[in-house]
C-alpha cells in the first residue's frame, strides 16, 4: 500500500451493540473509536502486504481503556445510610419527589414515607436531579458484594435527590449488608433501573 495516504480514510463499520452503522476514522496503524461512553478505545490494525485493499484488521484493545470503561458498564456507585428515610411519618413534602407532575404525592396520593409500598426501601439518588425530576418514583436494583464474594440485592424507590450515589434508610442498608450499615458507613454497589413493579408500584 505504498504511496497510499490512509489519513482521513473513512470506514463504515457495524456497531457491536446495535444494528446501525458507526463511522471509524483510520490513520496509519491506528483507529480511534469514540464510543457511547465517551471513552476513547484505541485499536491497532495491520494491512495485507500483497493487496491495495485492507483485507485484514487485527484489533488490539488497550487495557487502560478497558479499565476506564468497566465502571460505566457496571453502574458502580457509593451507597450510605441516612436515618431521614427510616422515619415513616416524614412528610413527602420534604423531598424532591413531592408534588409536581412527576411527584409521588401527585401520581400516587402518598403523603408520608410510610405510605410508600415496601417502605423503608426508599432513598435519594443522584439520578434525581431535583424537584419534579422525571426520575422520581423510579425503581432501582442495588447489589452489594461482601468480602466473601456473596452478593445481595434489594430494590429501592427513588424519592429524593442526592449529590452522588445513594442515600438510603439504615434499615435498607442493613438488609443489603447483613446488618453492617453502621460498621461499614458506606459501600460500593451496582445500580440498575428496573420496572416499578419491583418496588410495589
Foldseek 3Di string as FASTA:
>chain_A
DPPDFQAQPWDWDADPVDRDIDIWGDGQQWIWDCDPVRQIWIFGFDADPPDPDRDGGDTDTDVVSVVVCVCVVQQKWKEAEDQVLQDQAAFLVVAQQPDDPRHCCPPPVDTTSVVFFPPPQEWAAQQQVGHPRNQQQWKKWKWAADPVRDIDIAIHGHRHHDPTGIYGHLVVVCVRVVHCRVVVRMGMIHMDTDDSVSRVD
